[in-house]
Amino acid sequence: MEATGTDEVDKLKTKFISAWNNMKYSWVLKTKTYFSRNSPVLLLGKCYHFKYEDENRMLPARSGCTIEDHVIAGNVEEFRKDFISRIWLTYREEFPQIEGSALTTDCGWGCTLRTGQMLLAQGLILHFLGRAWTWPDALNIENSDSESWTSHTVKKFTASFEASLSGERELKTPTICLKETIGKCSEDHETENEICHRKIISWFGDSPLAAFGLHQLIEYGKKSGKKAGDWYGPAVVAHILRKAVEEARHPDLQGITVYVAQDCTVYSSDVIDKQSASVTSDNTDDKAVIILVPVRLGGERTNTDYLEFVKGILSLEYCVGIIGGKPKQSYYFAGFQDDSLIYMDPHYCQSFVDVSIKDFPLETFHCPSPKKMSFRKMDPSCTIGFYCRNVQDFKRASEEITKMLKMSSKEKYPLFTFVNGHSRDYDFTSTTTREEDLFSEDEKKRLKRLSTEEFVLL
């Protein structure tokens, strides 16, 4: 009876905290964000310039964009559609109880896990749908601060986003849910895309069965000394995401893997080994890889010398975003304008959505308005993410990123490096363990060390 009473007290306490956090974080979508018409906006490798309203034109890198031959999309609505199409994962309440706790919400502690989910979701969007994909219903979401997007009212939407950006340099058009689609988008093609869109979101559902849901991520976190209700740093989340993808059993996920850099070093042979692993017994095609690089952009505060490097990273077609934030809050950084970072904020408590139901509502998984934050406020601890479709793509990306690292490094050593060979060639123990259920002892030590070094998140 006493235990039952304690359980009831814990449940009441959890409900009270949830109600408080829901009120506390309800302002997130009500604050306005203003964008300049005179500066380009970069969003995950795509460049927009609102100065050229109702125009699309090719401008060189000197215009302010960091990749040559970007398409400058003039219409504000195109940027809005692109941004809203990204998958948004936030605090939720009243989801199935997390095993080993009385928690039915992650309000107040799960923000870094949510930003990690958003980065992984963007990687899966690239893998299955491609960077040109946008959600057809994106602009139907009510935008609480639409007047802040432009100095005058936008009277009509433009033609299709894909048509206006047909000349863009981008990732190779991928297979859609492992089925090749050729030719123009048809109704069947759009239906396939929507099925895939829903499937990706369902993998992040707040239930014990969802491959990348909060419940599963917490289970993997336990193996690094974390538990539900604890705070998670960007580096620890990187390792949790790697483990979650390794353990995923859905057939569509067998063609993708995750690699986490060791001590700011990406060992190329280790990455290629992961990519070259057989997808199935009958298929030896390269796997796609999401590369996660935990870094620190300074000491107690972010060093502003890294600003141009972060901009360059977010300008790359390979980038899937940054798990970062400011002290006590984690954000998913996806772009920038001038010296401000553009992000999605997980600190918004929404109701549980059962993604196992056919045609579950999608609206709460897409953010209606971006937020901006000065780079100077960024906490130095973060994890950078890249996506490469195959080994050839990885080699091209590593060369391009290495050049950027050399250009941005004012000191003797760059922020992180790509080196040839395996980690074992450098007398380090490889963290690419194949154990079914546990992290290696070396991983556990590294994760615990990272946990003590990283900032506290609320």
Protein backbone atom coordinates (compact mmCIF):
# COMPACT_ATOMS: atom_id res chain seq x y z
CA MET A 1 0.00 0.00 0.00
CA GLU A 2 2.85 2.33 0.85
CA ALA A 3 4.45 1.73 -2.54
CA THR A 4 1.14 2.46 -4.25
CA GLY A 5 0.85 5.71 -2.33
CA THR A 6 4.35 6.68 -3.37
CA ASP A 7 3.49 5.95 -6.99
CA GLU A 8 0.43 8.17 -6.77
CA VAL A 9 2.48 11.00 -5.26
CA ASP A 10 5.04 10.63 -8.08
CA LYS A 11 2.27 10.72 -10.68
CA LEU A 12 0.72 13.84 -9.14
CA LYS A 13 4.14 15.48 -8.95
CA THR A 14 4.77 14.64 -12.60
CA LYS A 15 1.39 16.08 -13.65
CA PHE A 16 2.06 19.29 -11.72
CA ILE A 17 5.51 19.70 -13.27
CA SER A 18 4.06 18.97 -16.71
CA ALA A 19 1.33 21.59 -16.28
CA TRP A 20 3.89 24.13 -15.09
CA ASN A 21 6.28 23.42 -17.97
CA ASN A 22 3.44 23.52 -20.49
CA MET A 23 2.62 27.04 -19.33
CA LYS A 24 6.30 27.96 -19.09
CA TYR A 25 7.08 26.89 -22.66
CA SER A 26 3.83 28.01 -24.31
CA TRP A 27 5.42 31.30 -25.42
CA VAL A 28 7.84 29.66 -27.86
CA LEU A 29 5.67 30.10 -30.97
CA LYS A 30 4.29 33.50 -29.97
CA THR A 31 7.48 35.53 -30.17
CA LYS A 32 8.19 37.19 -33.52
CA THR A 33 11.27 36.58 -35.63
CA TYR A 34 12.41 39.20 -38.11
CA PHE A 35 14.45 38.59 -41.26
CA SER A 36 16.39 41.16 -43.25
CA ARG A 37 15.69 41.63 -46.95
CA ASN A 38 19.28 42.71 -47.55
CA SER A 39 21.13 39.54 -46.50
CA PRO A 40 20.97 35.97 -47.81
CA VAL A 41 19.44 33.24 -45.64
CA LEU A 42 21.03 29.77 -45.61
CA LEU A 43 18.96 26.74 -44.64
CA LEU A 44 20.68 23.33 -44.70
CA GLY A 45 22.61 24.05 -47.88
CA LYS A 46 19.98 26.15 -49.66
CA CYS A 47 20.31 29.88 -50.08
CA TYR A 48 17.47 32.40 -50.21
CA HIS A 49 17.54 36.15 -50.72
CA PHE A 50 14.32 38.04 -50.02
CA LYS A 51 15.67 41.15 -51.72
CA TYR A 52 14.79 39.59 -55.05
CA GLU A 53 11.09 39.11 -54.34
CA ASP A 54 9.29 37.17 -57.08
CA GLU A 55 12.60 36.38 -58.78
CA ASN A 56 14.96 33.40 -58.90
CA ARG A 57 18.46 34.05 -60.06
CA MET A 58 21.95 32.60 -59.89
CA LEU A 59 24.45 34.70 -57.96
CA PRO A 60 28.12 33.96 -57.15
CA ALA A 61 29.44 33.29 -53.66
CA ARG A 62 30.48 36.92 -53.18
CA SER A 63 26.80 37.80 -52.65
CA GLY A 64 27.19 36.43 -49.15
CA CYS A 65 26.38 32.77 -49.75
CA THR A 66 29.18 30.35 -49.03
CA ILE A 67 28.63 27.86 -51.87
CA GLU A 68 29.03 28.84 -55.49
CA ASP A 69 26.05 28.64 -57.80
CA HIS A 70 23.35 28.74 -55.15
CA VAL A 71 19.91 29.49 -56.43
CA ILE A 72 18.72 32.67 -54.82
CA ALA A 73 15.02 32.13 -54.21
CA GLY A 74 13.35 35.50 -53.88
CA ASN A 75 9.96 34.54 -52.56
CA VAL A 76 9.53 34.45 -48.80
CA GLU A 77 6.94 31.68 -49.07
CA GLU A 78 9.48 29.32 -50.63
CA PHE A 79 11.73 29.66 -47.60
CA ARG A 80 8.76 29.20 -45.29
CA LYS A 81 7.72 26.04 -47.13
CA ASP A 82 11.25 24.65 -46.96
CA PHE A 83 11.62 25.42 -43.26
CA ILE A 84 8.19 24.13 -42.24
CA SER A 85 8.82 20.88 -44.12
CA ARG A 86 11.64 19.97 -41.71
CA ILE A 87 10.50 17.57 -38.98
CA TRP A 88 10.01 19.24 -35.60
CA LEU A 89 10.24 17.16 -32.42
CA THR A 90 9.27 18.84 -29.15
CA TYR A 91 8.42 18.11 -25.56
CA ARG A 92 5.31 15.92 -25.27
CA GLU A 93 3.03 15.05 -22.37
CA GLU A 94 0.71 12.15 -21.50
CA PHE A 95 2.67 9.62 -23.53
CA PRO A 96 3.05 5.99 -22.30
CA GLN A 97 4.98 5.84 -19.05
CA ILE A 98 8.74 5.48 -19.42
CA GLU A 99 9.89 2.16 -18.01
CA GLY A 100 11.55 2.46 -14.63
CA SER A 101 10.03 5.85 -13.86
CA ALA A 102 6.72 7.61 -13.30
CA LEU A 103 7.39 9.99 -16.18
CA THR A 104 4.82 10.49 -18.94
CA THR A 105 6.43 13.70 -20.23
CA ASP A 106 9.93 14.93 -21.06
CA CYS A 107 9.15 18.56 -20.26
CA GLY A 108 12.12 20.23 -18.62
CA TRP A 109 14.76 17.59 -19.37
CA GLY A 110 14.44 16.01 -22.83
CA CYS A 111 15.40 18.90 -25.10
CA THR A 112 18.78 17.54 -26.27
CA LEU A 113 17.24 14.17 -27.08
CA ARG A 114 14.63 16.07 -29.13
CA THR A 115 17.22 18.11 -31.03
CA GLY A 116 19.10 14.87 -31.71
CA GLN A 117 15.90 13.38 -33.07
CA MET A 118 15.46 16.39 -35.37
CA LEU A 119 18.96 16.01 -36.78
CA LEU A 120 18.44 12.30 -37.38
CA ALA A 121 15.04 13.00 -38.94
CA GLN A 122 16.64 15.41 -41.41
CA GLY A 123 19.17 12.73 -42.32
CA LEU A 124 16.33 10.29 -43.01
CA ILE A 125 14.49 12.92 -45.08
CA LEU A 126 17.59 13.28 -47.25
CA HIS A 127 17.98 9.52 -47.47
CA PHE A 128 14.43 8.67 -48.50
CA LEU A 129 12.98 11.87 -49.98
CA GLY A 130 15.88 14.14 -50.96
CA ARG A 131 16.70 17.78 -50.21
CA ALA A 132 14.26 19.13 -52.82
CA TRP A 133 11.28 17.49 -51.10
CA THR A 134 8.79 19.73 -49.33
CA TRP A 135 5.59 18.86 -47.54
CA PRO A 136 2.64 19.84 -49.79
CA ASP A 137 0.60 21.06 -46.79
CA ALA A 138 3.43 23.09 -45.23
CA LEU A 139 1.93 26.50 -45.99
CA ASN A 140 -1.46 25.48 -44.60
CA ILE A 141 -0.05 25.56 -41.07
CA GLU A 142 -1.17 28.67 -39.23
CA ASN A 143 1.78 31.00 -38.82
CA SER A 144 1.58 33.04 -35.64
CA ASP A 145 4.00 35.70 -36.83
CA SER A 146 3.57 35.80 -40.59
CA GLU A 147 3.74 39.59 -40.64
CA SER A 148 7.37 39.41 -39.49
CA TRP A 149 8.51 37.62 -42.64
CA THR A 150 8.25 40.63 -44.91
CA SER A 151 7.63 44.35 -44.83
CA HIS A 152 4.49 43.97 -46.90
CA THR A 153 1.84 41.28 -47.19
CA VAL A 154 2.61 38.43 -49.53
CA LYS A 155 -0.52 38.26 -51.67
CA LYS A 156 -0.12 34.92 -53.34
CA PHE A 157 1.96 31.75 -53.24
CA THR A 158 4.46 31.03 -56.00
CA ALA A 159 4.60 28.09 -58.37
CA SER A 160 5.90 24.80 -57.05
CA PHE A 161 9.06 24.94 -54.95
CA GLU A 162 10.73 22.16 -56.92
CA ALA A 163 10.18 23.87 -60.28
CA SER A 164 11.62 27.17 -59.07
CA LEU A 165 14.77 25.47 -57.79
CA SER A 166 15.28 23.08 -60.73
CA GLY A 167 18.76 24.43 -61.41
CA GLU A 168 20.07 23.94 -57.90
CA ARG A 169 23.21 21.96 -57.13
CA GLU A 170 22.01 19.32 -54.69
CA LEU A 171 22.27 15.74 -53.58
CA LYS A 172 21.48 13.08 -56.15
CA THR A 173 17.76 12.26 -56.23
CA PRO A 174 17.41 9.22 -53.95
CA THR A 175 15.21 6.18 -54.08
CA ILE A 176 11.87 6.71 -52.43
CA CYS A 177 11.33 4.14 -49.72
CA LEU A 178 13.69 1.83 -51.58
CA LYS A 179 11.69 2.04 -54.85
CA GLU A 180 13.09 3.87 -57.88
CA THR A 181 10.89 6.62 -59.29
CA ILE A 182 11.57 8.01 -62.76
CA GLY A 183 10.04 10.98 -64.54
CA LYS A 184 7.84 13.81 -63.33
CA CYS A 185 6.03 13.78 -60.03
CA SER A 186 2.71 12.03 -60.45
CA GLU A 187 -0.14 11.58 -58.04
CA ASP A 188 1.18 8.11 -57.21
CA HIS A 189 4.64 9.57 -56.62
CA GLU A 190 3.24 12.19 -54.25
CA THR A 191 1.32 9.47 -52.42
CA GLU A 192 4.52 7.44 -52.02
CA ASN A 193 6.30 10.51 -50.68
CA GLU A 194 3.53 11.14 -48.17
CA ILE A 195 3.58 7.52 -47.01
CA CYS A 196 7.35 7.81 -46.53
CA HIS A 197 6.95 11.15 -44.75
CA ARG A 198 4.54 9.58 -42.27
CA LYS A 199 6.75 6.53 -41.84
CA ILE A 200 9.75 8.68 -40.90
CA ILE A 201 7.71 10.58 -38.31
CA SER A 202 6.34 7.32 -36.91
CA TRP A 203 9.90 6.16 -36.17
CA PHE A 204 10.13 9.09 -33.72
CA GLY A 205 6.80 8.44 -32.01
CA ASP A 206 6.59 8.64 -28.22
CA SER A 207 6.02 4.96 -27.61
CA PRO A 208 8.26 2.03 -26.56
CA LEU A 209 8.00 0.46 -30.03
CA ALA A 210 9.20 3.48 -32.05
CA ALA A 211 12.75 2.86 -33.31
CA PHE A 212 13.99 6.39 -32.54
CA GLY A 213 11.34 7.43 -30.04
CA LEU A 214 12.18 8.89 -26.65
CA HIS A 215 11.56 5.57 -24.89
CA GLN A 216 14.14 3.72 -26.99
CA LEU A 217 16.72 6.52 -26.78
CA ILE A 218 16.45 6.49 -23.00
CA GLU A 219 17.03 2.74 -22.96
CA TYR A 220 20.27 3.22 -24.88
CA GLY A 221 21.17 6.13 -22.63
CA LYS A 222 20.98 3.85 -19.59
CA LYS A 223 24.00 2.00 -20.94
CA SER A 224 26.00 5.23 -20.67
CA GLY A 225 24.84 5.93 -17.11
CA LYS A 226 21.87 8.13 -18.03
CA LYS A 227 18.23 7.65 -17.05
CA ALA A 228 14.87 9.28 -17.73
CA GLY A 229 14.79 12.75 -16.21
CA ASP A 230 18.56 13.29 -16.51
CA TRP A 231 20.06 15.95 -18.75
CA TYR A 232 21.84 14.80 -21.90
CA GLY A 233 24.68 16.59 -23.69
CA PRO A 234 25.19 16.75 -27.49
CA ALA A 235 28.04 14.21 -27.53
CA VAL A 236 26.20 11.62 -25.44
CA VAL A 237 23.14 12.01 -27.69
CA ALA A 238 25.35 11.40 -30.74
CA HIS A 239 26.38 8.00 -29.36
CA ILE A 240 22.79 7.17 -28.39
CA LEU A 241 21.62 7.93 -31.94
CA ARG A 242 24.35 5.70 -33.37
CA LYS A 243 23.25 2.84 -31.16
CA ALA A 244 19.58 3.38 -32.01
CA VAL A 245 20.25 3.20 -35.76
CA GLU A 246 22.46 0.13 -35.32
CA GLU A 247 19.70 -1.65 -33.42
CA ALA A 248 16.83 -0.60 -35.71
CA ARG A 249 15.21 -3.62 -37.31
CA HIS A 250 12.91 -2.00 -39.89
CA PRO A 251 13.89 -3.25 -43.38
CA ASP A 252 13.99 0.27 -44.81
CA LEU A 253 16.63 1.27 -42.23
CA GLN A 254 19.14 -1.40 -43.17
CA GLY A 255 20.67 0.86 -45.83
CA ILE A 256 21.80 3.59 -43.45
CA THR A 257 24.27 3.74 -40.56
CA VAL A 258 25.72 6.31 -38.16
CA TYR A 259 29.36 7.05 -37.38
CA VAL A 260 30.46 9.16 -34.40
CA ALA A 261 33.85 10.86 -34.60
CA GLN A 262 36.36 9.94 -31.90
CA ASP A 263 38.11 12.80 -30.13
CA CYS A 264 37.34 15.21 -33.00
CA THR A 265 38.75 12.80 -35.58
CA VAL A 266 36.90 11.07 -38.42
CA TYR A 267 38.77 7.91 -39.43
CA SER A 268 37.95 7.48 -43.10
CA SER A 269 38.52 3.71 -43.27
CA ASP A 270 36.19 3.17 -40.31
CA VAL A 271 33.48 5.17 -42.09
CA ILE A 272 33.99 3.30 -45.37
CA ASP A 273 33.91 -0.04 -43.54
CA LYS A 274 30.51 0.90 -42.12
CA GLN A 275 29.25 1.97 -45.53
CA SER A 276 30.59 -1.11 -47.29
CA ALA A 277 28.86 -3.55 -44.95
CA SER A 278 26.29 -5.67 -46.81
CA VAL A 279 22.82 -4.12 -46.69
CA THR A 280 21.26 -7.57 -47.09
CA SER A 281 22.60 -10.98 -47.96
CA ASP A 282 21.73 -10.31 -51.61
CA ASN A 283 22.79 -6.67 -51.78
CA THR A 284 26.29 -5.32 -51.28
CA ASP A 285 25.58 -1.71 -52.28
CA ASP A 286 27.14 1.01 -50.16
CA LYS A 287 25.23 2.11 -47.11
CA ALA A 288 24.46 5.74 -46.55
CA VAL A 289 26.09 7.20 -43.44
CA ILE A 290 25.25 10.02 -41.05
CA ILE A 291 28.50 11.33 -39.56
CA LEU A 292 28.21 12.96 -36.14
CA VAL A 293 31.11 15.09 -34.89
CA PRO A 294 30.95 16.25 -31.24
CA VAL A 295 33.05 19.42 -30.92
CA ARG A 296 33.64 22.31 -28.57
CA LEU A 297 33.74 25.80 -30.06
CA GLY A 298 35.79 27.38 -27.33
CA GLY A 299 36.20 27.29 -23.56
CA GLU A 300 33.49 28.59 -21.24
CA ARG A 301 32.08 30.67 -24.09
CA THR A 302 31.93 30.14 -27.83
CA ASN A 303 34.91 31.62 -29.65
CA THR A 304 33.59 34.02 -32.30
CA ASP A 305 36.47 32.97 -34.56
CA TYR A 306 34.39 29.86 -35.29
CA LEU A 307 31.45 31.86 -36.66
CA GLU A 308 32.48 31.62 -40.32
CA PHE A 309 33.18 27.91 -39.94
CA VAL A 310 29.70 27.24 -38.51
CA LYS A 311 28.20 29.27 -41.36
CA GLY A 312 30.19 27.26 -43.86
CA ILE A 313 29.01 23.98 -42.34
CA LEU A 314 25.34 25.02 -42.49
CA SER A 315 25.87 26.02 -46.13
CA LEU A 316 26.93 22.54 -47.19
CA GLU A 317 24.60 20.26 -49.10
CA TYR A 318 25.78 17.43 -46.85
CA CYS A 319 24.84 19.14 -43.59
CA VAL A 320 21.89 17.80 -41.57
CA GLY A 321 22.16 20.43 -38.86
CA ILE A 322 23.77 20.95 -35.47
CA ILE A 323 22.71 19.67 -32.05
CA GLY A 324 23.56 22.62 -29.85
CA GLY A 325 21.93 25.51 -28.09
CA LYS A 326 22.72 28.10 -25.50
CA PRO A 327 23.44 27.43 -21.82
CA LYS A 328 20.51 25.57 -20.21
CA GLN A 329 18.62 25.16 -23.52
CA SER A 330 19.22 22.88 -26.51
CA TYR A 331 18.26 23.91 -30.05
CA TYR A 332 18.46 22.31 -33.49
CA PHE A 333 20.45 24.72 -35.65
CA ALA A 334 19.56 24.50 -39.34
CA GLY A 335 20.70 27.78 -40.91
CA PHE A 336 21.74 31.40 -40.46
CA GLN A 337 21.34 34.98 -41.59
CA ASP A 338 24.23 37.37 -41.01
CA ASP A 339 25.58 36.56 -37.52
CA SER A 340 22.36 34.94 -36.26
CA LEU A 341 21.65 31.21 -36.25
CA ILE A 342 18.27 29.89 -37.38
CA TYR A 343 16.89 27.09 -35.26
CA MET A 344 13.94 24.95 -34.25
CA ASP A 345 13.08 24.97 -30.57
CA PRO A 346 11.99 21.77 -28.78
CA HIS A 347 10.88 23.70 -25.68
CA TYR A 348 7.19 23.59 -26.52
CA CYS A 349 5.06 21.06 -24.70
CA GLN A 350 2.51 19.38 -26.96
CA SER A 351 0.06 16.56 -26.41
CA PHE A 352 0.94 12.96 -27.21
CA VAL A 353 0.12 11.83 -30.75
CA ASP A 354 -0.44 8.13 -31.40
CA VAL A 355 1.52 7.63 -34.63
CA SER A 356 0.31 4.03 -34.94
CA ILE A 357 -3.11 5.32 -36.01
CA LYS A 358 -3.67 5.58 -39.75
CA ASP A 359 -3.63 9.21 -40.97
CA PHE A 360 -2.45 10.58 -37.61
CA PRO A 361 -2.28 14.41 -37.65
CA LEU A 362 1.01 15.78 -38.96
CA GLU A 363 0.67 19.44 -38.03
CA THR A 364 2.38 19.23 -34.62
CA PHE A 365 5.48 17.68 -36.21
CA HIS A 366 6.18 20.77 -38.34
CA CYS A 367 7.24 24.12 -36.90
CA PRO A 368 5.26 27.11 -38.26
CA SER A 369 7.95 29.71 -37.57
CA PRO A 370 11.76 29.72 -37.32
CA LYS A 371 13.68 31.38 -34.51
CA LYS A 372 16.94 33.31 -34.60
CA MET A 373 19.73 33.62 -32.05
CA SER A 374 23.00 35.51 -32.05
CA PHE A 375 25.98 33.23 -32.62
CA ARG A 376 27.60 34.83 -29.56
CA LYS A 377 24.97 33.22 -27.33
CA MET A 378 25.71 29.70 -28.59
CA ASP A 379 27.08 27.25 -26.03
CA PRO A 380 30.45 25.87 -27.16
CA SER A 381 29.38 22.19 -26.82
CA CYS A 382 27.64 20.89 -29.93
CA THR A 383 27.45 17.99 -32.38
CA ILE A 384 27.67 18.61 -36.13
CA GLY A 385 25.91 16.23 -38.53
CA PHE A 386 26.58 15.27 -42.19
CA TYR A 387 24.86 12.85 -44.53
CA CYS A 388 26.62 10.91 -47.31
CA ARG A 389 24.67 8.61 -49.61
CA ASN A 390 27.59 6.30 -50.52
CA VAL A 391 31.37 5.93 -50.28
CA GLN A 392 31.96 8.22 -53.26
CA ASP A 393 29.77 10.88 -51.64
CA PHE A 394 31.73 10.53 -48.38
CA LYS A 395 35.06 10.99 -50.12
CA ARG A 396 33.80 14.10 -51.91
CA ALA A 397 32.33 15.51 -48.69
CA SER A 398 35.46 14.85 -46.64
CA GLU A 399 37.60 16.68 -49.21
CA GLU A 400 35.26 19.67 -49.27
CA ILE A 401 34.93 19.85 -45.48
CA THR A 402 38.71 19.46 -45.01
CA LYS A 403 39.32 22.47 -47.25
CA MET A 404 36.83 24.45 -45.21
CA LEU A 405 38.47 23.37 -41.94
CA LYS A 406 41.89 24.49 -43.18
CA MET A 407 40.54 27.85 -44.33
CA SER A 408 38.73 28.48 -41.05
CA SER A 409 41.52 27.38 -38.70
CA LYS A 410 43.50 30.33 -37.36
CA GLU A 411 45.36 28.06 -34.99
CA LYS A 412 47.70 25.15 -35.68
CA TYR A 413 44.98 22.52 -35.34
CA PRO A 414 41.51 22.57 -36.98
CA LEU A 415 38.31 22.00 -35.03
CA PHE A 416 38.19 18.39 -36.21
CA THR A 417 39.98 16.35 -38.84
CA PHE A 418 39.54 13.59 -41.41
CA VAL A 419 42.43 11.11 -41.42
CA ASN A 420 43.13 8.06 -43.55
CA GLY A 421 43.12 4.62 -41.99
CA HIS A 422 41.34 3.05 -39.03
CA SER A 423 41.28 4.29 -35.47
CA ARG A 424 43.21 1.19 -34.41
CA ASP A 425 46.07 2.28 -36.68
CA TYR A 426 46.57 5.21 -34.33
CA ASP A 427 46.64 3.07 -31.17
CA PHE A 428 43.09 3.92 -30.18
CA THR A 429 40.45 1.35 -29.38
CA SER A 430 37.73 1.44 -32.06
CA THR A 431 34.25 2.42 -30.86
CA THR A 432 32.56 0.67 -33.76
CA THR A 433 31.59 -2.24 -31.53
CA ARG A 434 29.21 -4.87 -32.88
CA GLU A 435 27.99 -5.99 -29.46
CA GLU A 436 24.25 -6.53 -29.51
CA ASP A 437 23.20 -5.03 -26.23
CA LEU A 438 26.02 -3.07 -24.59
CA PHE A 439 28.40 -0.23 -25.32
CA SER A 440 32.04 -1.25 -25.15
CA GLU A 441 33.90 -0.44 -21.95
CA ASP A 442 35.84 2.23 -23.85
CA GLU A 443 32.57 3.77 -25.03
CA LYS A 444 31.15 3.77 -21.51
CA LYS A 445 34.19 5.60 -20.17
CA ARG A 446 34.07 8.12 -23.00
CA LEU A 447 30.34 8.74 -22.57
CA LYS A 448 30.65 9.23 -18.81
CA ARG A 449 33.53 11.64 -19.35
CA LEU A 450 31.51 13.59 -21.91
CA SER A 451 28.54 13.69 -19.53
CA THR A 452 30.62 15.48 -16.89
CA GLU A 453 32.14 17.93 -19.37
CA GLU A 454 29.01 19.15 -21.10
CA PHE A 455 26.65 21.92 -20.14
CA VAL A 456 23.47 21.30 -18.20
CA LEU A 457 20.28 21.50 -20.26
CA LEU A 458 16.79 22.29 -19.05
